[in-house]
Amino acid sequence: MRLGSCRSRKLALLAPPGVHVPKFFRQVHVNASRSDSLLADLQRLRGNIYLQDGAIEPRELTNGRQDLECSFSIKKIGCVGASGI
């Protein structure tokens, strides 16, 4: 996974299940499997960055993902293209 330009991508806000989404957001899509996939991409990206930085050890990753409990209870924003984050 590499960080690149957001020019041809869209921003995605991943909210925890059951959170009220303000009407300010006009293109709201509720898709649990897509949300799970994007969350996994974000966890892999974060894990890879922290691993390269030396902030964590490889044993702290699960399938390349930094799977923290708080990942499911906070909002996340990512730059999304056709192939994911």
C-alpha atoms as a PDB file:
ATOM      1  CA  MET A   1       0.000   0.000   0.000  1.00  0.00           C
ATOM      2  CA  ARG A   2       1.376   3.400  -0.878  1.00  0.00           C
ATOM      3  CA  LEU A   3       0.410   6.929  -0.129  1.00  0.00           C
ATOM      4  CA  GLY A   4      -0.339   8.929  -3.222  1.00  0.00           C
ATOM      5  CA  SER A   5      -2.240  11.881  -4.517  1.00  0.00           C
ATOM      6  CA  CYS A   6      -5.915  12.312  -3.686  1.00  0.00           C
ATOM      7  CA  ARG A   7      -6.540  14.073  -6.990  1.00  0.00           C
ATOM      8  CA  SER A   8      -8.544  11.233  -8.589  1.00  0.00           C
ATOM      9  CA  ARG A   9     -10.002   9.963  -5.331  1.00  0.00           C
ATOM     10  CA  LYS A  10     -12.812  10.835  -2.957  1.00  0.00           C
ATOM     11  CA  LEU A  11     -12.735  11.390   0.776  1.00  0.00           C
ATOM     12  CA  ALA A  12     -14.638   8.836   2.824  1.00  0.00           C
ATOM     13  CA  LEU A  13     -15.755   9.308   6.401  1.00  0.00           C
ATOM     14  CA  LEU A  14     -16.174   5.998   8.212  1.00  0.00           C
ATOM     15  CA  ALA A  15     -18.483   6.361  11.185  1.00  0.00           C
ATOM     16  CA  PRO A  16     -19.144   3.710  13.822  1.00  0.00           C
ATOM     17  CA  PRO A  17     -22.368   1.709  13.389  1.00  0.00           C
ATOM     18  CA  GLY A  18     -25.478   3.472  14.654  1.00  0.00           C
ATOM     19  CA  VAL A  19     -24.005   6.988  14.617  1.00  0.00           C
ATOM     20  CA  HIS A  20     -26.301   9.794  13.433  1.00  0.00           C
ATOM     21  CA  VAL A  21     -25.053  11.274  10.158  1.00  0.00           C
ATOM     22  CA  PRO A  22     -25.867  14.994   9.790  1.00  0.00           C
ATOM     23  CA  LYS A  23     -27.780  16.078   6.668  1.00  0.00           C
ATOM     24  CA  PHE A  24     -24.690  18.144   5.791  1.00  0.00           C
ATOM     25  CA  PHE A  25     -23.332  14.937   4.203  1.00  0.00           C
ATOM     26  CA  ARG A  26     -25.244  14.570   0.942  1.00  0.00           C
ATOM     27  CA  GLN A  27     -23.793  11.301  -0.369  1.00  0.00           C
ATOM     28  CA  VAL A  28     -24.315   8.837   2.452  1.00  0.00           C
ATOM     29  CA  HIS A  29     -23.857   5.156   1.657  1.00  0.00           C
ATOM     30  CA  VAL A  30     -24.543   2.489   4.248  1.00  0.00           C
ATOM     31  CA  ASN A  31     -22.617  -0.631   3.285  1.00  0.00           C
ATOM     32  CA  ALA A  32     -21.232  -2.743   6.131  1.00  0.00           C
ATOM     33  CA  SER A  33     -18.933  -4.912   3.984  1.00  0.00           C
ATOM     34  CA  ARG A  34     -17.458  -1.862   2.192  1.00  0.00           C
ATOM     35  CA  SER A  35     -16.986  -0.135   5.552  1.00  0.00           C
ATOM     36  CA  ASP A  36     -15.242  -3.225   6.966  1.00  0.00           C
ATOM     37  CA  SER A  37     -12.979  -3.388   3.903  1.00  0.00           C
ATOM     38  CA  LEU A  38     -12.037   0.306   4.152  1.00  0.00           C
ATOM     39  CA  LEU A  39     -11.425  -0.038   7.900  1.00  0.00           C
ATOM     40  CA  ALA A  40      -9.104  -3.002   7.233  1.00  0.00           C
ATOM     41  CA  ASP A  41      -7.233  -0.914   4.616  1.00  0.00           C
ATOM     42  CA  LEU A  42      -6.823   1.939   7.109  1.00  0.00           C
ATOM     43  CA  GLN A  43      -5.607  -0.456   9.810  1.00  0.00           C
ATOM     44  CA  ARG A  44      -3.037  -1.951   7.405  1.00  0.00           C
ATOM     45  CA  LEU A  45      -1.876   1.524   6.358  1.00  0.00           C
ATOM     46  CA  ARG A  46      -1.551   2.669   9.975  1.00  0.00           C
ATOM     47  CA  GLY A  47       0.206  -0.569  10.976  1.00  0.00           C
ATOM     48  CA  ASN A  48       2.664  -0.290   8.083  1.00  0.00           C
ATOM     49  CA  ILE A  49       3.493   3.344   8.897  1.00  0.00           C
ATOM     50  CA  TYR A  50       3.946   2.641  12.624  1.00  0.00           C
ATOM     51  CA  LEU A  51       6.056  -0.431  11.854  1.00  0.00           C
ATOM     52  CA  GLN A  52       8.354   1.486   9.476  1.00  0.00           C
ATOM     53  CA  ASP A  53       8.634   4.268  12.058  1.00  0.00           C
ATOM     54  CA  GLY A  54       9.671   1.761  14.730  1.00  0.00           C
ATOM     55  CA  ALA A  55       6.716   2.661  16.956  1.00  0.00           C
ATOM     56  CA  ILE A  56       5.468  -0.947  17.011  1.00  0.00           C
ATOM     57  CA  GLU A  57       6.857  -4.452  16.527  1.00  0.00           C
ATOM     58  CA  PRO A  58       5.670  -6.907  13.838  1.00  0.00           C
ATOM     59  CA  ARG A  59       4.105  -9.091  16.557  1.00  0.00           C
ATOM     60  CA  GLU A  60       1.711  -6.214  17.335  1.00  0.00           C
ATOM     61  CA  LEU A  61       0.039  -6.589  13.937  1.00  0.00           C
ATOM     62  CA  THR A  62      -2.727  -9.033  13.038  1.00  0.00           C
ATOM     63  CA  ASN A  63      -2.555  -9.962   9.343  1.00  0.00           C
ATOM     64  CA  GLY A  64      -0.663  -6.720   8.774  1.00  0.00           C
ATOM     65  CA  ARG A  65      -3.359  -4.718  10.555  1.00  0.00           C
ATOM     66  CA  GLN A  66      -3.032  -2.669  13.696  1.00  0.00           C
ATOM     67  CA  ASP A  67      -6.357  -3.846  15.055  1.00  0.00           C
ATOM     68  CA  LEU A  68      -7.139  -1.611  18.039  1.00  0.00           C
ATOM     69  CA  GLU A  69     -10.421  -1.742  19.950  1.00  0.00           C
ATOM     70  CA  CYS A  70     -10.879   2.004  19.478  1.00  0.00           C
ATOM     71  CA  SER A  71     -10.889   1.466  15.681  1.00  0.00           C
ATOM     72  CA  PHE A  72     -14.542   0.506  15.936  1.00  0.00           C
ATOM     73  CA  SER A  73     -15.728   3.429  18.064  1.00  0.00           C
ATOM     74  CA  ILE A  74     -14.190   6.496  16.406  1.00  0.00           C
ATOM     75  CA  LYS A  75     -14.723   8.257  13.098  1.00  0.00           C
ATOM     76  CA  LYS A  76     -12.020   7.882  10.476  1.00  0.00           C
ATOM     77  CA  ILE A  77     -11.395   9.713   7.238  1.00  0.00           C
ATOM     78  CA  GLY A  78      -9.531   8.319   4.258  1.00  0.00           C
ATOM     79  CA  CYS A  79      -8.790   9.079   0.658  1.00  0.00           C
ATOM     80  CA  VAL A  80     -10.544   6.393  -1.412  1.00  0.00           C
ATOM     81  CA  GLY A  81      -9.917   5.286  -4.985  1.00  0.00           C
ATOM     82  CA  ALA A  82     -11.204   2.379  -7.041  1.00  0.00           C
ATOM     83  CA  SER A  83      -8.914  -0.099  -5.279  1.00  0.00           C
ATOM     84  CA  GLY A  84      -9.476   1.139  -1.705  1.00  0.00           C
ATOM     85  CA  ILE A  85      -7.617   3.471   0.629  1.00  0.00           C
END
